[in-house]
Amino acid sequence: MPALLALAALGACKGREKPPRAVAGGNAELGRQAIQKYGCGTCHTIPGVEGAAGKQAQILLGFADRGDIAGMTSNLPENLVRWIQRPQDIYPRAKMPSLGVPEKDARDIAAYLYTLKAE
């Protein structure tokens, strides 16, 4: 009986979208602008950001659906903000540079990245 309930619950969730991750104090539109300001598109391809067609780092399409950040930590808002600000704090050998992004801009960038669903 418990197995049937579990299957029923899984079936009920099928086809439903996950709610977007919320970034306290983050504004996705300001994040899109901050991505341009900090030149993130030099290395990353980032959908919806003009000129963000870099090929040196991961394409960020579907970022909201990923379970981890660069394979190093769980894809949670607080981890993403920290990664954007100081990636070497999470992974000392990270190739992503620390760009001096203040917390407000990092929250905005995180909010934008969480709008990027897989297509």
PDB file of N, CA and C in Angstrom:
ATOM      1  N   MET A   1       0.808  -1.206   0.000  1.00  0.00           N
ATOM      2  CA  MET A   1       0.000   0.000   0.000  1.00  0.00           C
ATOM      3  C   MET A   1       0.857   1.279   0.000  1.00  0.00           C
ATOM      4  N   PRO A   2       1.919   1.369   0.850  1.00  0.00           N
ATOM      5  CA  PRO A   2       2.745   2.583   0.813  1.00  0.00           C
ATOM      6  C   PRO A   2       3.363   2.826  -0.564  1.00  0.00           C
ATOM      7  N   ALA A   3       3.720   1.749  -1.268  1.00  0.00           N
ATOM      8  CA  ALA A   3       4.310   1.912  -2.601  1.00  0.00           C
ATOM      9  C   ALA A   3       3.294   2.516  -3.567  1.00  0.00           C
ATOM     10  N   LEU A   4       2.042   2.114  -3.448  1.00  0.00           N
ATOM     11  CA  LEU A   4       1.002   2.676  -4.312  1.00  0.00           C
ATOM     12  C   LEU A   4       0.783   4.158  -4.031  1.00  0.00           C
ATOM     13  N   LEU A   5       0.835   4.513  -2.761  1.00  0.00           N
ATOM     14  CA  LEU A   5       0.687   5.930  -2.408  1.00  0.00           C
ATOM     15  C   LEU A   5       1.838   6.756  -2.970  1.00  0.00           C
ATOM     16  N   ALA A   6       3.048   6.205  -2.905  1.00  0.00           N
ATOM     17  CA  ALA A   6       4.212   6.916  -3.429  1.00  0.00           C
ATOM     18  C   ALA A   6       4.081   7.100  -4.933  1.00  0.00           C
ATOM     19  N   LEU A   7       3.649   6.057  -5.636  1.00  0.00           N
ATOM     20  CA  LEU A   7       3.462   6.170  -7.080  1.00  0.00           C
ATOM     21  C   LEU A   7       2.380   7.177  -7.426  1.00  0.00           C
ATOM     22  N   ALA A   8       1.316   7.190  -6.663  1.00  0.00           N
ATOM     23  CA  ALA A   8       0.237   8.154  -6.897  1.00  0.00           C
ATOM     24  C   ALA A   8       0.739   9.583  -6.696  1.00  0.00           C
ATOM     25  N   ALA A   9       1.534   9.766  -5.657  1.00  0.00           N
ATOM     26  CA  ALA A   9       2.075  11.098  -5.395  1.00  0.00           C
ATOM     27  C   ALA A   9       2.998  11.543  -6.523  1.00  0.00           C
ATOM     28  N   LEU A  10       3.831  10.623  -7.027  1.00  0.00           N
ATOM     29  CA  LEU A  10       4.716  10.965  -8.138  1.00  0.00           C
ATOM     30  C   LEU A  10       3.914  11.311  -9.379  1.00  0.00           C
ATOM     31  N   GLY A  11       2.869  10.562  -9.639  1.00  0.00           N
ATOM     32  CA  GLY A  11       2.026  10.837 -10.795  1.00  0.00           C
ATOM     33  C   GLY A  11       1.347  12.184 -10.697  1.00  0.00           C
ATOM     34  N   ALA A  12       0.950  12.578  -9.495  1.00  0.00           N
ATOM     35  CA  ALA A  12       0.287  13.859  -9.299  1.00  0.00           C
ATOM     36  C   ALA A  12       1.238  15.017  -9.574  1.00  0.00           C
ATOM     37  N   CYS A  13       2.533  14.812  -9.328  1.00  0.00           N
ATOM     38  CA  CYS A  13       3.516  15.877  -9.535  1.00  0.00           C
ATOM     39  C   CYS A  13       3.990  15.960 -10.980  1.00  0.00           C
ATOM     40  N   LYS A  14       3.801  14.880 -11.730  1.00  0.00           N
ATOM     41  CA  LYS A  14       4.290  14.842 -13.097  1.00  0.00           C
ATOM     42  C   LYS A  14       3.671  15.979 -13.915  1.00  0.00           C
ATOM     43  N   GLY A  15       4.503  16.681 -14.641  1.00  0.00           N
ATOM     44  CA  GLY A  15       4.018  17.757 -15.487  1.00  0.00           C
ATOM     45  C   GLY A  15       3.918  19.099 -14.781  1.00  0.00           C
ATOM     46  N   ARG A  16       4.063  19.114 -13.486  1.00  0.00           N
ATOM     47  CA  ARG A  16       4.020  20.395 -12.766  1.00  0.00           C
ATOM     48  C   ARG A  16       5.398  21.024 -12.772  1.00  0.00           C
ATOM     49  N   GLU A  17       5.422  22.322 -12.955  1.00  0.00           N
ATOM     50  CA  GLU A  17       6.695  23.033 -12.896  1.00  0.00           C
ATOM     51  C   GLU A  17       7.067  23.294 -11.446  1.00  0.00           C
ATOM     52  N   LYS A  18       8.379  23.248 -11.177  1.00  0.00           N
ATOM     53  CA  LYS A  18       8.858  23.622  -9.856  1.00  0.00           C
ATOM     54  C   LYS A  18       8.729  25.132  -9.709  1.00  0.00           C
ATOM     55  N   PRO A  19       8.381  25.606  -8.528  1.00  0.00           N
ATOM     56  CA  PRO A  19       8.344  27.065  -8.361  1.00  0.00           C
ATOM     57  C   PRO A  19       9.761  27.625  -8.471  1.00  0.00           C
ATOM     58  N   PRO A  20       9.899  28.856  -8.964  1.00  0.00           N
ATOM     59  CA  PRO A  20      11.242  29.426  -9.081  1.00  0.00           C
ATOM     60  C   PRO A  20      11.882  29.592  -7.707  1.00  0.00           C
ATOM     61  N   ARG A  21      13.195  29.459  -7.671  1.00  0.00           N
ATOM     62  CA  ARG A  21      13.913  29.695  -6.414  1.00  0.00           C
ATOM     63  C   ARG A  21      13.850  31.189  -6.132  1.00  0.00           C
ATOM     64  N   ALA A  22      13.575  31.514  -4.907  1.00  0.00           N
ATOM     65  CA  ALA A  22      13.484  32.922  -4.520  1.00  0.00           C
ATOM     66  C   ALA A  22      14.824  33.378  -3.937  1.00  0.00           C
ATOM     67  N   VAL A  23      15.268  34.527  -4.391  1.00  0.00           N
ATOM     68  CA  VAL A  23      16.497  35.128  -3.882  1.00  0.00           C
ATOM     69  C   VAL A  23      16.078  36.377  -3.122  1.00  0.00           C
ATOM     70  N   ALA A  24      16.192  36.331  -1.816  1.00  0.00           N
ATOM     71  CA  ALA A  24      15.799  37.474  -0.986  1.00  0.00           C
ATOM     72  C   ALA A  24      16.546  38.721  -1.440  1.00  0.00           C
ATOM     73  N   GLY A  25      15.789  39.771  -1.750  1.00  0.00           N
ATOM     74  CA  GLY A  25      16.392  41.033  -2.163  1.00  0.00           C
ATOM     75  C   GLY A  25      16.879  41.046  -3.600  1.00  0.00           C
ATOM     76  N   GLY A  26      16.597  39.978  -4.362  1.00  0.00           N
ATOM     77  CA  GLY A  26      17.068  39.909  -5.739  1.00  0.00           C
ATOM     78  C   GLY A  26      16.030  40.390  -6.732  1.00  0.00           C
ATOM     79  N   ASN A  27      16.497  41.043  -7.791  1.00  0.00           N
ATOM     80  CA  ASN A  27      15.641  41.549  -8.862  1.00  0.00           C
ATOM     81  C   ASN A  27      16.213  41.028 -10.177  1.00  0.00           C
ATOM     82  N   ALA A  28      15.462  40.158 -10.848  1.00  0.00           N
ATOM     83  CA  ALA A  28      15.971  39.504 -12.054  1.00  0.00           C
ATOM     84  C   ALA A  28      16.342  40.501 -13.159  1.00  0.00           C
ATOM     85  N   GLU A  29      15.545  41.526 -13.364  1.00  0.00           N
ATOM     86  CA  GLU A  29      15.865  42.496 -14.419  1.00  0.00           C
ATOM     87  C   GLU A  29      17.165  43.244 -14.103  1.00  0.00           C
ATOM     88  N   LEU A  30      17.341  43.638 -12.854  1.00  0.00           N
ATOM     89  CA  LEU A  30      18.611  44.276 -12.470  1.00  0.00           C
ATOM     90  C   LEU A  30      19.763  43.288 -12.599  1.00  0.00           C
ATOM     91  N   GLY A  31      19.468  42.011 -12.357  1.00  0.00           N
ATOM     92  CA  GLY A  31      20.476  40.967 -12.503  1.00  0.00           C
ATOM     93  C   GLY A  31      20.941  40.823 -13.941  1.00  0.00           C
ATOM     94  N   ARG A  32      19.991  40.875 -14.880  1.00  0.00           N
ATOM     95  CA  ARG A  32      20.339  40.812 -16.298  1.00  0.00           C
ATOM     96  C   ARG A  32      21.278  41.970 -16.649  1.00  0.00           C
ATOM     97  N   GLN A  33      20.975  43.136 -16.130  1.00  0.00           N
ATOM     98  CA  GLN A  33      21.821  44.311 -16.375  1.00  0.00           C
ATOM     99  C   GLN A  33      23.197  44.149 -15.717  1.00  0.00           C
ATOM    100  N   ALA A  34      23.224  43.587 -14.507  1.00  0.00           N
ATOM    101  CA  ALA A  34      24.493  43.383 -13.804  1.00  0.00           C
ATOM    102  C   ALA A  34      25.362  42.351 -14.527  1.00  0.00           C
ATOM    103  N   ILE A  35      24.735  41.356 -15.130  1.00  0.00           N
ATOM    104  CA  ILE A  35      25.482  40.361 -15.902  1.00  0.00           C
ATOM    105  C   ILE A  35      26.235  41.054 -17.030  1.00  0.00           C
ATOM    106  N   GLN A  36      25.592  42.020 -17.672  1.00  0.00           N
ATOM    107  CA  GLN A  36      26.273  42.784 -18.724  1.00  0.00           C
ATOM    108  C   GLN A  36      27.378  43.647 -18.127  1.00  0.00           C
ATOM    109  N   LYS A  37      27.075  44.298 -17.034  1.00  0.00           N
ATOM    110  CA  LYS A  37      28.037  45.203 -16.385  1.00  0.00           C
ATOM    111  C   LYS A  37      29.335  44.487 -16.000  1.00  0.00           C
ATOM    112  N   TYR A  38      29.212  43.270 -15.453  1.00  0.00           N
ATOM    113  CA  TYR A  38      30.393  42.542 -14.988  1.00  0.00           C
ATOM    114  C   TYR A  38      31.030  41.675 -16.072  1.00  0.00           C
ATOM    115  N   GLY A  39      30.438  41.673 -17.262  1.00  0.00           N
ATOM    116  CA  GLY A  39      31.041  40.946 -18.377  1.00  0.00           C
ATOM    117  C   GLY A  39      30.956  39.437 -18.273  1.00  0.00           C
ATOM    118  N   CYS A  40      29.937  38.938 -17.607  1.00  0.00           N
ATOM    119  CA  CYS A  40      29.788  37.483 -17.424  1.00  0.00           C
ATOM    120  C   CYS A  40      29.689  36.759 -18.769  1.00  0.00           C
ATOM    121  N   GLY A  41      29.141  37.444 -19.775  1.00  0.00           N
ATOM    122  CA  GLY A  41      28.982  36.865 -21.096  1.00  0.00           C
ATOM    123  C   GLY A  41      30.279  36.736 -21.875  1.00  0.00           C
ATOM    124  N   THR A  42      31.368  37.222 -21.318  1.00  0.00           N
ATOM    125  CA  THR A  42      32.669  37.029 -21.942  1.00  0.00           C
ATOM    126  C   THR A  42      33.035  35.548 -21.911  1.00  0.00           C
ATOM    127  N   CYS A  43      32.672  34.880 -20.836  1.00  0.00           N
ATOM    128  CA  CYS A  43      32.976  33.448 -20.682  1.00  0.00           C
ATOM    129  C   CYS A  43      31.756  32.557 -20.848  1.00  0.00           C
ATOM    130  N   HIS A  44      30.585  33.032 -20.430  1.00  0.00           N
ATOM    131  CA  HIS A  44      29.355  32.226 -20.451  1.00  0.00           C
ATOM    132  C   HIS A  44      28.421  32.655 -21.574  1.00  0.00           C
ATOM    133  N   THR A  45      27.686  31.687 -22.118  1.00  0.00           N
ATOM    134  CA  THR A  45      26.534  31.989 -22.957  1.00  0.00           C
ATOM    135  C   THR A  45      25.351  32.054 -22.006  1.00  0.00           C
ATOM    136  N   ILE A  46      24.648  33.188 -22.019  1.00  0.00           N
ATOM    137  CA  ILE A  46      23.553  33.407 -21.073  1.00  0.00           C
ATOM    138  C   ILE A  46      22.336  33.876 -21.856  1.00  0.00           C
ATOM    139  N   PRO A  47      21.319  33.022 -21.958  1.00  0.00           N
ATOM    140  CA  PRO A  47      20.116  33.404 -22.699  1.00  0.00           C
ATOM    141  C   PRO A  47      19.501  34.691 -22.148  1.00  0.00           C
ATOM    142  N   GLY A  48      19.037  35.541 -23.081  1.00  0.00           N
ATOM    143  CA  GLY A  48      18.356  36.772 -22.703  1.00  0.00           C
ATOM    144  C   GLY A  48      19.271  37.932 -22.378  1.00  0.00           C
ATOM    145  N   VAL A  49      20.576  37.712 -22.447  1.00  0.00           N
ATOM    146  CA  VAL A  49      21.531  38.779 -22.157  1.00  0.00           C
ATOM    147  C   VAL A  49      22.279  39.096 -23.452  1.00  0.00           C
ATOM    148  N   GLU A  50      22.065  40.294 -23.948  1.00  0.00           N
ATOM    149  CA  GLU A  50      22.685  40.706 -25.204  1.00  0.00           C
ATOM    150  C   GLU A  50      24.206  40.580 -25.132  1.00  0.00           C
ATOM    151  N   GLY A  51      24.767  39.929 -26.140  1.00  0.00           N
ATOM    152  CA  GLY A  51      26.222  39.794 -26.226  1.00  0.00           C
ATOM    153  C   GLY A  51      26.816  38.712 -25.349  1.00  0.00           C
ATOM    154  N   ALA A  52      26.020  38.029 -24.555  1.00  0.00           N
ATOM    155  CA  ALA A  52      26.546  36.991 -23.655  1.00  0.00           C
ATOM    156  C   ALA A  52      26.624  35.670 -24.418  1.00  0.00           C
ATOM    157  N   ALA A  53      27.728  35.506 -25.157  1.00  0.00           N
ATOM    158  CA  ALA A  53      27.891  34.330 -26.007  1.00  0.00           C
ATOM    159  C   ALA A  53      29.258  33.684 -25.815  1.00  0.00           C
ATOM    160  N   GLY A  54      29.805  33.797 -24.598  1.00  0.00           N
ATOM    161  CA  GLY A  54      31.115  33.220 -24.314  1.00  0.00           C
ATOM    162  C   GLY A  54      31.110  31.711 -24.430  1.00  0.00           C
ATOM    163  N   LYS A  55      32.266  31.166 -24.744  1.00  0.00           N
ATOM    164  CA  LYS A  55      32.403  29.718 -24.939  1.00  0.00           C
ATOM    165  C   LYS A  55      33.419  29.094 -23.977  1.00  0.00           C
ATOM    166  N   GLN A  56      34.001  29.888 -23.079  1.00  0.00           N
ATOM    167  CA  GLN A  56      35.024  29.371 -22.182  1.00  0.00           C
ATOM    168  C   GLN A  56      34.458  28.681 -20.947  1.00  0.00           C
ATOM    169  N   ALA A  57      33.205  28.941 -20.623  1.00  0.00           N
ATOM    170  CA  ALA A  57      32.591  28.375 -19.422  1.00  0.00           C
ATOM    171  C   ALA A  57      31.217  27.810 -19.785  1.00  0.00           C
ATOM    172  N   GLN A  58      30.566  27.207 -18.809  1.00  0.00           N
ATOM    173  CA  GLN A  58      29.280  26.568 -19.055  1.00  0.00           C
ATOM    174  C   GLN A  58      28.242  27.509 -19.643  1.00  0.00           C
ATOM    175  N   ILE A  59      27.433  26.968 -20.561  1.00  0.00           N
ATOM    176  CA  ILE A  59      26.245  27.666 -21.036  1.00  0.00           C
ATOM    177  C   ILE A  59      25.249  27.637 -19.879  1.00  0.00           C
ATOM    178  N   LEU A  60      24.620  28.749 -19.599  1.00  0.00           N
ATOM    179  CA  LEU A  60      23.758  28.829 -18.420  1.00  0.00           C
ATOM    180  C   LEU A  60      22.275  28.598 -18.708  1.00  0.00           C
ATOM    181  N   LEU A  61      21.956  28.165 -19.914  1.00  0.00           N
ATOM    182  CA  LEU A  61      20.591  27.762 -20.230  1.00  0.00           C
ATOM    183  C   LEU A  61      20.179  26.648 -19.269  1.00  0.00           C
ATOM    184  N   GLY A  62      19.008  26.774 -18.678  1.00  0.00           N
ATOM    185  CA  GLY A  62      18.512  25.755 -17.757  1.00  0.00           C
ATOM    186  C   GLY A  62      19.135  25.812 -16.371  1.00  0.00           C
ATOM    187  N   PHE A  63      19.805  26.906 -16.046  1.00  0.00           N
ATOM    188  CA  PHE A  63      20.474  26.996 -14.749  1.00  0.00           C
ATOM    189  C   PHE A  63      19.509  26.757 -13.586  1.00  0.00           C
ATOM    190  N   ALA A  64      18.282  27.235 -13.716  1.00  0.00           N
ATOM    191  CA  ALA A  64      17.302  27.103 -12.630  1.00  0.00           C
ATOM    192  C   ALA A  64      16.981  25.646 -12.321  1.00  0.00           C
ATOM    193  N   ASP A  65      17.183  24.764 -13.288  1.00  0.00           N
ATOM    194  CA  ASP A  65      16.842  23.353 -13.115  1.00  0.00           C
ATOM    195  C   ASP A  65      18.017  22.506 -12.641  1.00  0.00           C
ATOM    196  N   ARG A  66      19.173  23.094 -12.504  1.00  0.00           N
ATOM    197  CA  ARG A  66      20.366  22.334 -12.106  1.00  0.00           C
ATOM    198  C   ARG A  66      20.377  22.066 -10.610  1.00  0.00           C
ATOM    199  N   GLY A  67      20.945  20.939 -10.251  1.00  0.00           N
ATOM    200  CA  GLY A  67      21.023  20.559  -8.846  1.00  0.00           C
ATOM    201  C   GLY A  67      22.254  21.099  -8.137  1.00  0.00           C
ATOM    202  N   ASP A  68      23.259  21.496  -8.923  1.00  0.00           N
ATOM    203  CA  ASP A  68      24.483  21.984  -8.290  1.00  0.00           C
ATOM    204  C   ASP A  68      25.033  23.189  -9.045  1.00  0.00           C
ATOM    205  N   ILE A  69      26.006  23.802  -8.422  1.00  0.00           N
ATOM    206  CA  ILE A  69      26.710  24.942  -9.006  1.00  0.00           C
ATOM    207  C   ILE A  69      28.126  24.470  -9.317  1.00  0.00           C
ATOM    208  N   ALA A  70      28.454  24.394 -10.597  1.00  0.00           N
ATOM    209  CA  ALA A  70      29.789  23.995 -11.068  1.00  0.00           C
ATOM    210  C   ALA A  70      30.234  22.652 -10.482  1.00  0.00           C
ATOM    211  N   GLY A  71      29.282  21.814 -10.107  1.00  0.00           N
ATOM    212  CA  GLY A  71      29.610  20.512  -9.536  1.00  0.00           C
ATOM    213  C   GLY A  71      30.220  20.592  -8.144  1.00  0.00           C
ATOM    214  N   MET A  72      30.155  21.762  -7.516  1.00  0.00           N
ATOM    215  CA  MET A  72      30.846  21.975  -6.242  1.00  0.00           C
ATOM    216  C   MET A  72      29.941  22.106  -5.028  1.00  0.00           C
ATOM    217  N   THR A  73      28.740  22.614  -5.219  1.00  0.00           N
ATOM    218  CA  THR A  73      27.857  22.857  -4.081  1.00  0.00           C
ATOM    219  C   THR A  73      26.405  22.833  -4.563  1.00  0.00           C
ATOM    220  N   SER A  74      25.484  22.639  -3.656  1.00  0.00           N
ATOM    221  CA  SER A  74      24.063  22.597  -4.004  1.00  0.00           C
ATOM    222  C   SER A  74      23.617  23.925  -4.597  1.00  0.00           C
ATOM    223  N   ASN A  75      22.730  23.833  -5.574  1.00  0.00           N
ATOM    224  CA  ASN A  75      22.224  25.031  -6.241  1.00  0.00           C
ATOM    225  C   ASN A  75      21.115  25.653  -5.384  1.00  0.00           C
ATOM    226  N   LEU A  76      21.539  26.349  -4.369  1.00  0.00           N
ATOM    227  CA  LEU A  76      20.652  27.076  -3.460  1.00  0.00           C
ATOM    228  C   LEU A  76      20.994  28.557  -3.536  1.00  0.00           C
ATOM    229  N   PRO A  77      20.004  29.432  -3.325  1.00  0.00           N
ATOM    230  CA  PRO A  77      20.271  30.868  -3.465  1.00  0.00           C
ATOM    231  C   PRO A  77      21.483  31.367  -2.671  1.00  0.00           C
ATOM    232  N   GLU A  78      21.615  30.957  -1.416  1.00  0.00           N
ATOM    233  CA  GLU A  78      22.738  31.474  -0.622  1.00  0.00           C
ATOM    234  C   GLU A  78      24.083  31.002  -1.168  1.00  0.00           C
ATOM    235  N   ASN A  79      24.124  29.774  -1.704  1.00  0.00           N
ATOM    236  CA  ASN A  79      25.364  29.276  -2.304  1.00  0.00           C
ATOM    237  C   ASN A  79      25.674  29.996  -3.610  1.00  0.00           C
ATOM    238  N   LEU A  80      24.641  30.267  -4.397  1.00  0.00           N
ATOM    239  CA  LEU A  80      24.856  30.949  -5.667  1.00  0.00           C
ATOM    240  C   LEU A  80      25.357  32.377  -5.458  1.00  0.00           C
ATOM    241  N   VAL A  81      24.779  33.082  -4.514  1.00  0.00           N
ATOM    242  CA  VAL A  81      25.241  34.446  -4.219  1.00  0.00           C
ATOM    243  C   VAL A  81      26.711  34.411  -3.817  1.00  0.00           C
ATOM    244  N   ARG A  82      27.067  33.465  -2.956  1.00  0.00           N
ATOM    245  CA  ARG A  82      28.460  33.330  -2.514  1.00  0.00           C
ATOM    246  C   ARG A  82      29.375  32.985  -3.700  1.00  0.00           C
ATOM    247  N   TRP A  83      28.917  32.069  -4.569  1.00  0.00           N
ATOM    248  CA  TRP A  83      29.701  31.677  -5.746  1.00  0.00           C
ATOM    249  C   TRP A  83      29.951  32.877  -6.656  1.00  0.00           C
ATOM    250  N   ILE A  84      28.921  33.667  -6.890  1.00  0.00           N
ATOM    251  CA  ILE A  84      29.058  34.840  -7.756  1.00  0.00           C
ATOM    252  C   ILE A  84      30.062  35.831  -7.164  1.00  0.00           C
ATOM    253  N   GLN A  85      30.041  35.977  -5.858  1.00  0.00           N
ATOM    254  CA  GLN A  85      30.941  36.941  -5.213  1.00  0.00           C
ATOM    255  C   GLN A  85      32.369  36.409  -5.087  1.00  0.00           C
ATOM    256  N   ARG A  86      32.497  35.175  -4.620  1.00  0.00           N
ATOM    257  CA  ARG A  86      33.825  34.631  -4.312  1.00  0.00           C
ATOM    258  C   ARG A  86      33.867  33.133  -4.623  1.00  0.00           C
ATOM    259  N   PRO A  87      33.959  32.772  -5.909  1.00  0.00           N
ATOM    260  CA  PRO A  87      33.923  31.348  -6.255  1.00  0.00           C
ATOM    261  C   PRO A  87      35.036  30.525  -5.598  1.00  0.00           C
ATOM    262  N   GLN A  88      36.186  31.137  -5.364  1.00  0.00           N
ATOM    263  CA  GLN A  88      37.291  30.399  -4.746  1.00  0.00           C
ATOM    264  C   GLN A  88      37.024  30.035  -3.281  1.00  0.00           C
ATOM    265  N   ASP A  89      36.064  30.701  -2.637  1.00  0.00           N
ATOM    266  CA  ASP A  89      35.676  30.303  -1.276  1.00  0.00           C
ATOM    267  C   ASP A  89      34.994  28.938  -1.294  1.00  0.00           C
ATOM    268  N   ILE A  90      34.343  28.615  -2.411  1.00  0.00           N
ATOM    269  CA  ILE A  90      33.653  27.330  -2.535  1.00  0.00           C
ATOM    270  C   ILE A  90      34.583  26.292  -3.144  1.00  0.00           C
ATOM    271  N   TYR A  91      35.331  26.687  -4.154  1.00  0.00           N
ATOM    272  CA  TYR A  91      36.267  25.789  -4.815  1.00  0.00           C
ATOM    273  C   TYR A  91      37.544  26.571  -5.123  1.00  0.00           C
ATOM    274  N   PRO A  92      38.590  26.370  -4.329  1.00  0.00           N
ATOM    275  CA  PRO A  92      39.812  27.168  -4.471  1.00  0.00           C
ATOM    276  C   PRO A  92      40.423  27.154  -5.871  1.00  0.00           C
ATOM    277  N   ARG A  93      40.204  26.099  -6.646  1.00  0.00           N
ATOM    278  CA  ARG A  93      40.787  26.027  -7.988  1.00  0.00           C
ATOM    279  C   ARG A  93      39.805  26.469  -9.078  1.00  0.00           C
ATOM    280  N   ALA A  94      38.729  27.121  -8.687  1.00  0.00           N
ATOM    281  CA  ALA A  94      37.738  27.593  -9.668  1.00  0.00           C
ATOM    282  C   ALA A  94      38.397  28.539 -10.662  1.00  0.00           C
ATOM    283  N   LYS A  95      38.049  28.368 -11.933  1.00  0.00           N
ATOM    284  CA  LYS A  95      38.581  29.245 -12.971  1.00  0.00           C
ATOM    285  C   LYS A  95      37.831  30.562 -13.036  1.00  0.00           C
ATOM    286  N   MET A  96      36.600  30.568 -12.503  1.00  0.00           N
ATOM    287  CA  MET A  96      35.812  31.805 -12.516  1.00  0.00           C
ATOM    288  C   MET A  96      36.485  32.830 -11.601  1.00  0.00           C
ATOM    289  N   PRO A  97      36.736  34.019 -12.122  1.00  0.00           N
ATOM    290  CA  PRO A  97      37.406  35.029 -11.291  1.00  0.00           C
ATOM    291  C   PRO A  97      36.459  35.687 -10.298  1.00  0.00           C
ATOM    292  N   SER A  98      37.024  36.181  -9.226  1.00  0.00           N
ATOM    293  CA  SER A  98      36.270  37.037  -8.309  1.00  0.00           C
ATOM    294  C   SER A  98      36.315  38.431  -8.916  1.00  0.00           C
ATOM    295  N   LEU A  99      35.138  38.987  -9.179  1.00  0.00           N
ATOM    296  CA  LEU A  99      35.056  40.267  -9.875  1.00  0.00           C
ATOM    297  C   LEU A  99      34.679  41.426  -8.964  1.00  0.00           C
ATOM    298  N   GLY A 100      34.664  41.189  -7.656  1.00  0.00           N
ATOM    299  CA  GLY A 100      34.298  42.264  -6.738  1.00  0.00           C
ATOM    300  C   GLY A 100      32.817  42.603  -6.792  1.00  0.00           C
ATOM    301  N   VAL A 101      31.986  41.610  -7.068  1.00  0.00           N
ATOM    302  CA  VAL A 101      30.546  41.840  -7.174  1.00  0.00           C
ATOM    303  C   VAL A 101      29.973  42.039  -5.769  1.00  0.00           C
ATOM    304  N   PRO A 102      29.360  43.190  -5.503  1.00  0.00           N
ATOM    305  CA  PRO A 102      28.754  43.398  -4.183  1.00  0.00           C
ATOM    306  C   PRO A 102      27.533  42.486  -3.996  1.00  0.00           C
ATOM    307  N   GLU A 103      27.155  42.273  -2.745  1.00  0.00           N
ATOM    308  CA  GLU A 103      26.078  41.340  -2.442  1.00  0.00           C
ATOM    309  C   GLU A 103      24.781  41.680  -3.168  1.00  0.00           C
ATOM    310  N   LYS A 104      24.391  42.948  -3.243  1.00  0.00           N
ATOM    311  CA  LYS A 104      23.139  43.320  -3.903  1.00  0.00           C
ATOM    312  C   LYS A 104      23.158  42.895  -5.363  1.00  0.00           C
ATOM    313  N   ASP A 105      24.258  43.161  -6.067  1.00  0.00           N
ATOM    314  CA  ASP A 105      24.353  42.757  -7.463  1.00  0.00           C
ATOM    315  C   ASP A 105      24.374  41.236  -7.592  1.00  0.00           C
ATOM    316  N   ALA A 106      25.052  40.558  -6.677  1.00  0.00           N
ATOM    317  CA  ALA A 106      25.088  39.093  -6.707  1.00  0.00           C
ATOM    318  C   ALA A 106      23.691  38.511  -6.508  1.00  0.00           C
ATOM    319  N   ARG A 107      22.900  39.122  -5.628  1.00  0.00           N
ATOM    320  CA  ARG A 107      21.518  38.666  -5.429  1.00  0.00           C
ATOM    321  C   ARG A 107      20.680  38.891  -6.681  1.00  0.00           C
ATOM    322  N   ASP A 108      20.893  40.011  -7.328  1.00  0.00           N
ATOM    323  CA  ASP A 108      20.165  40.297  -8.567  1.00  0.00           C
ATOM    324  C   ASP A 108      20.570  39.315  -9.671  1.00  0.00           C
ATOM    325  N   ILE A 109      21.865  39.054  -9.808  1.00  0.00           N
ATOM    326  CA  ILE A 109      22.344  38.100 -10.814  1.00  0.00           C
ATOM    327  C   ILE A 109      21.763  36.721 -10.531  1.00  0.00           C
ATOM    328  N   ALA A 110      21.782  36.302  -9.280  1.00  0.00           N
ATOM    329  CA  ALA A 110      21.216  34.996  -8.914  1.00  0.00           C
ATOM    330  C   ALA A 110      19.735  34.943  -9.283  1.00  0.00           C
ATOM    331  N   ALA A 111      19.004  36.007  -8.997  1.00  0.00           N
ATOM    332  CA  ALA A 111      17.575  36.045  -9.335  1.00  0.00           C
ATOM    333  C   ALA A 111      17.382  35.870 -10.838  1.00  0.00           C
ATOM    334  N   TYR A 112      18.226  36.500 -11.636  1.00  0.00           N
ATOM    335  CA  TYR A 112      18.119  36.330 -13.091  1.00  0.00           C
ATOM    336  C   TYR A 112      18.440  34.889 -13.493  1.00  0.00           C
ATOM    337  N   LEU A 113      19.521  34.339 -12.968  1.00  0.00           N
ATOM    338  CA  LEU A 113      19.902  32.975 -13.347  1.00  0.00           C
ATOM    339  C   LEU A 113      18.800  31.976 -13.016  1.00  0.00           C
ATOM    340  N   TYR A 114      18.055  32.228 -11.960  1.00  0.00           N
ATOM    341  CA  TYR A 114      16.961  31.334 -11.602  1.00  0.00           C
ATOM    342  C   TYR A 114      15.735  31.492 -12.507  1.00  0.00           C
ATOM    343  N   THR A 115      15.772  32.433 -13.442  1.00  0.00           N
ATOM    344  CA  THR A 115      14.704  32.509 -14.441  1.00  0.00           C
ATOM    345  C   THR A 115      15.008  31.643 -15.654  1.00  0.00           C
ATOM    346  N   LEU A 116      16.235  31.120 -15.736  1.00  0.00           N
ATOM    347  CA  LEU A 116      16.689  30.370 -16.910  1.00  0.00           C
ATOM    348  C   LEU A 116      16.307  28.906 -16.788  1.00  0.00           C
ATOM    349  N   LYS A 117      15.193  28.546 -17.398  1.00  0.00           N
ATOM    350  CA  LYS A 117      14.693  27.172 -17.405  1.00  0.00           C
ATOM    351  C   LYS A 117      15.197  26.436 -18.633  1.00  0.00           C
ATOM    352  N   ALA A 118      15.295  25.111 -18.527  1.00  0.00           N
ATOM    353  CA  ALA A 118      15.646  24.286 -19.690  1.00  0.00           C
ATOM    354  C   ALA A 118      14.485  24.338 -20.681  1.00  0.00           C
ATOM    355  N   GLU A 119      14.807  24.282 -21.933  1.00  0.00           N
ATOM    356  CA  GLU A 119      13.742  24.352 -22.941  1.00  0.00           C
ATOM    357  C   GLU A 119      13.446  23.013 -23.527  1.00  0.00           C
TER     358      GLU A 119
END
